């Protein structure tokens, strides 16, 4: 079996949006919703980051809904979120989704 290697110089730049979330540990689910059509585009289960299409860096179309699984606390909403532009080839290869 051959090992597949990833060489960033062969790929060039792949510009994407990076959404980094630093949430309360009690927020057990973080739903990332596209505000324009109310579709959940990603679900996170802890703080961290996710890579999204470039359109989310140039607009404020994201809404984040943070909830806990035990239904002990009220949900929290952050509206009008914008992402930062990143070169996806500089990230770990497992995060790149073209």
C-alpha atoms as a PDB file:
ATOM      1  CA  UNK A   1       0.000   0.000   0.000  1.00  0.00           C
ATOM      2  CA  UNK A   2       1.336   3.433  -0.915  1.00  0.00           C
ATOM      3  CA  UNK A   3       1.215   6.337   1.471  1.00  0.00           C
ATOM      4  CA  UNK A   4      -0.581   9.379   0.069  1.00  0.00           C
ATOM      5  CA  UNK A   5       1.275  12.551   0.966  1.00  0.00           C
ATOM      6  CA  UNK A   6      -0.004  16.103   0.956  1.00  0.00           C
ATOM      7  CA  UNK A   7       2.288  18.777  -0.457  1.00  0.00           C
ATOM      8  CA  UNK A   8       0.849  22.305  -0.139  1.00  0.00           C
ATOM      9  CA  UNK A   9       3.117  23.663  -2.890  1.00  0.00           C
ATOM     10  CA  UNK A  10       1.402  21.362  -5.405  1.00  0.00           C
ATOM     11  CA  UNK A  11      -2.073  22.603  -4.518  1.00  0.00           C
ATOM     12  CA  UNK A  12      -1.702  26.368  -4.261  1.00  0.00           C
ATOM     13  CA  UNK A  13      -4.056  28.441  -2.177  1.00  0.00           C
ATOM     14  CA  UNK A  14      -7.579  27.287  -1.388  1.00  0.00           C
ATOM     15  CA  UNK A  15      -9.320  30.191   0.301  1.00  0.00           C
ATOM     16  CA  UNK A  16     -12.164  29.249   2.646  1.00  0.00           C
ATOM     17  CA  UNK A  17     -13.993  30.610   5.685  1.00  0.00           C
ATOM     18  CA  UNK A  18     -12.915  29.559   9.157  1.00  0.00           C
ATOM     19  CA  UNK A  19     -15.409  29.789  11.995  1.00  0.00           C
ATOM     20  CA  UNK A  20     -13.814  29.491  15.414  1.00  0.00           C
ATOM     21  CA  UNK A  21     -16.153  28.963  18.359  1.00  0.00           C
ATOM     22  CA  UNK A  22     -15.149  29.362  21.993  1.00  0.00           C
ATOM     23  CA  UNK A  23     -18.292  28.341  23.845  1.00  0.00           C
ATOM     24  CA  UNK A  24     -19.228  27.576  27.417  1.00  0.00           C
ATOM     25  CA  UNK A  25     -18.554  23.889  28.230  1.00  0.00           C
ATOM     26  CA  UNK A  26     -22.252  23.567  29.107  1.00  0.00           C
ATOM     27  CA  UNK A  27     -23.121  24.295  25.471  1.00  0.00           C
ATOM     28  CA  UNK A  28     -23.138  20.675  24.425  1.00  0.00           C
ATOM     29  CA  UNK A  29     -24.402  21.322  20.896  1.00  0.00           C
ATOM     30  CA  UNK A  30     -23.651  24.312  18.692  1.00  0.00           C
ATOM     31  CA  UNK A  31     -25.787  24.538  15.569  1.00  0.00           C
ATOM     32  CA  UNK A  32     -24.445  26.648  12.714  1.00  0.00           C
ATOM     33  CA  UNK A  33     -27.392  27.901  10.688  1.00  0.00           C
ATOM     34  CA  UNK A  34     -27.464  29.737   7.359  1.00  0.00           C
ATOM     35  CA  UNK A  35     -29.683  32.716   8.097  1.00  0.00           C
ATOM     36  CA  UNK A  36     -30.864  33.158   4.498  1.00  0.00           C
ATOM     37  CA  UNK A  37     -32.631  29.779   4.257  1.00  0.00           C
ATOM     38  CA  UNK A  38     -32.637  28.440   7.863  1.00  0.00           C
ATOM     39  CA  UNK A  39     -30.657  25.328   6.969  1.00  0.00           C
ATOM     40  CA  UNK A  40     -28.349  23.847   9.595  1.00  0.00           C
ATOM     41  CA  UNK A  41     -25.012  23.653   7.791  1.00  0.00           C
ATOM     42  CA  UNK A  42     -22.940  22.176  10.619  1.00  0.00           C
ATOM     43  CA  UNK A  43     -23.225  20.935  14.195  1.00  0.00           C
ATOM     44  CA  UNK A  44     -20.350  21.187  16.656  1.00  0.00           C
ATOM     45  CA  UNK A  45     -20.219  19.307  19.955  1.00  0.00           C
ATOM     46  CA  UNK A  46     -17.481  21.385  21.617  1.00  0.00           C
ATOM     47  CA  UNK A  47     -15.465  24.550  21.114  1.00  0.00           C
ATOM     48  CA  UNK A  48     -13.152  24.518  18.136  1.00  0.00           C
ATOM     49  CA  UNK A  49     -13.263  25.513  14.497  1.00  0.00           C
ATOM     50  CA  UNK A  50     -14.880  24.427  11.265  1.00  0.00           C
ATOM     51  CA  UNK A  51     -14.189  25.253   7.630  1.00  0.00           C
ATOM     52  CA  UNK A  52     -17.055  26.648   5.560  1.00  0.00           C
ATOM     53  CA  UNK A  53     -17.493  27.997   2.013  1.00  0.00           C
ATOM     54  CA  UNK A  54     -15.913  31.374   1.270  1.00  0.00           C
ATOM     55  CA  UNK A  55     -19.284  33.152   1.071  1.00  0.00           C
ATOM     56  CA  UNK A  56     -19.553  33.148   4.864  1.00  0.00           C
ATOM     57  CA  UNK A  57     -16.488  35.417   5.154  1.00  0.00           C
ATOM     58  CA  UNK A  58     -17.959  38.179   3.041  1.00  0.00           C
ATOM     59  CA  UNK A  59     -21.458  38.205   4.574  1.00  0.00           C
ATOM     60  CA  UNK A  60     -23.032  38.002   8.005  1.00  0.00           C
ATOM     61  CA  UNK A  61     -25.321  35.097   7.152  1.00  0.00           C
ATOM     62  CA  UNK A  62     -24.553  32.761  10.047  1.00  0.00           C
ATOM     63  CA  UNK A  63     -26.555  32.234  13.203  1.00  0.00           C
ATOM     64  CA  UNK A  64     -25.191  30.109  16.047  1.00  0.00           C
ATOM     65  CA  UNK A  65     -27.574  28.315  18.405  1.00  0.00           C
ATOM     66  CA  UNK A  66     -26.021  26.870  21.551  1.00  0.00           C
ATOM     67  CA  UNK A  67     -28.008  24.357  23.607  1.00  0.00           C
ATOM     68  CA  UNK A  68     -27.382  21.758  26.301  1.00  0.00           C
ATOM     69  CA  UNK A  69     -28.578  18.168  26.084  1.00  0.00           C
ATOM     70  CA  UNK A  70     -30.080  18.128  29.593  1.00  0.00           C
ATOM     71  CA  UNK A  71     -32.480  21.027  28.865  1.00  0.00           C
ATOM     72  CA  UNK A  72     -31.323  22.603  32.118  1.00  0.00           C
ATOM     73  CA  UNK A  73     -30.353  25.998  30.650  1.00  0.00           C
ATOM     74  CA  UNK A  74     -31.940  28.308  28.125  1.00  0.00           C
ATOM     75  CA  UNK A  75     -30.461  28.247  24.641  1.00  0.00           C
ATOM     76  CA  UNK A  76     -28.246  31.088  23.481  1.00  0.00           C
ATOM     77  CA  UNK A  77     -28.262  32.641  20.016  1.00  0.00           C
ATOM     78  CA  UNK A  78     -25.578  34.671  18.265  1.00  0.00           C
ATOM     79  CA  UNK A  79     -26.794  36.249  15.035  1.00  0.00           C
ATOM     80  CA  UNK A  80     -24.977  37.951  12.165  1.00  0.00           C
ATOM     81  CA  UNK A  81     -21.735  35.996  12.513  1.00  0.00           C
ATOM     82  CA  UNK A  82     -18.991  36.384   9.907  1.00  0.00           C
ATOM     83  CA  UNK A  83     -15.983  34.097   9.455  1.00  0.00           C
ATOM     84  CA  UNK A  84     -12.330  34.854   8.813  1.00  0.00           C
ATOM     85  CA  UNK A  85     -10.655  34.144   5.478  1.00  0.00           C
ATOM     86  CA  UNK A  86      -7.999  31.423   5.643  1.00  0.00           C
ATOM     87  CA  UNK A  87      -5.782  29.505   3.274  1.00  0.00           C
ATOM     88  CA  UNK A  88      -7.149  26.004   3.766  1.00  0.00           C
ATOM     89  CA  UNK A  89      -3.942  24.406   2.503  1.00  0.00           C
ATOM     90  CA  UNK A  90      -2.140  25.778   5.569  1.00  0.00           C
ATOM     91  CA  UNK A  91      -4.500  23.817   7.858  1.00  0.00           C
ATOM     92  CA  UNK A  92      -4.384  20.127   8.633  1.00  0.00           C
ATOM     93  CA  UNK A  93      -5.330  18.165   5.483  1.00  0.00           C
ATOM     94  CA  UNK A  94      -8.223  16.425   7.251  1.00  0.00           C
ATOM     95  CA  UNK A  95     -10.015  19.797   7.603  1.00  0.00           C
ATOM     96  CA  UNK A  96     -10.003  20.642   3.898  1.00  0.00           C
ATOM     97  CA  UNK A  97     -13.331  20.129   2.138  1.00  0.00           C
ATOM     98  CA  UNK A  98     -13.389  21.375  -1.425  1.00  0.00           C
END
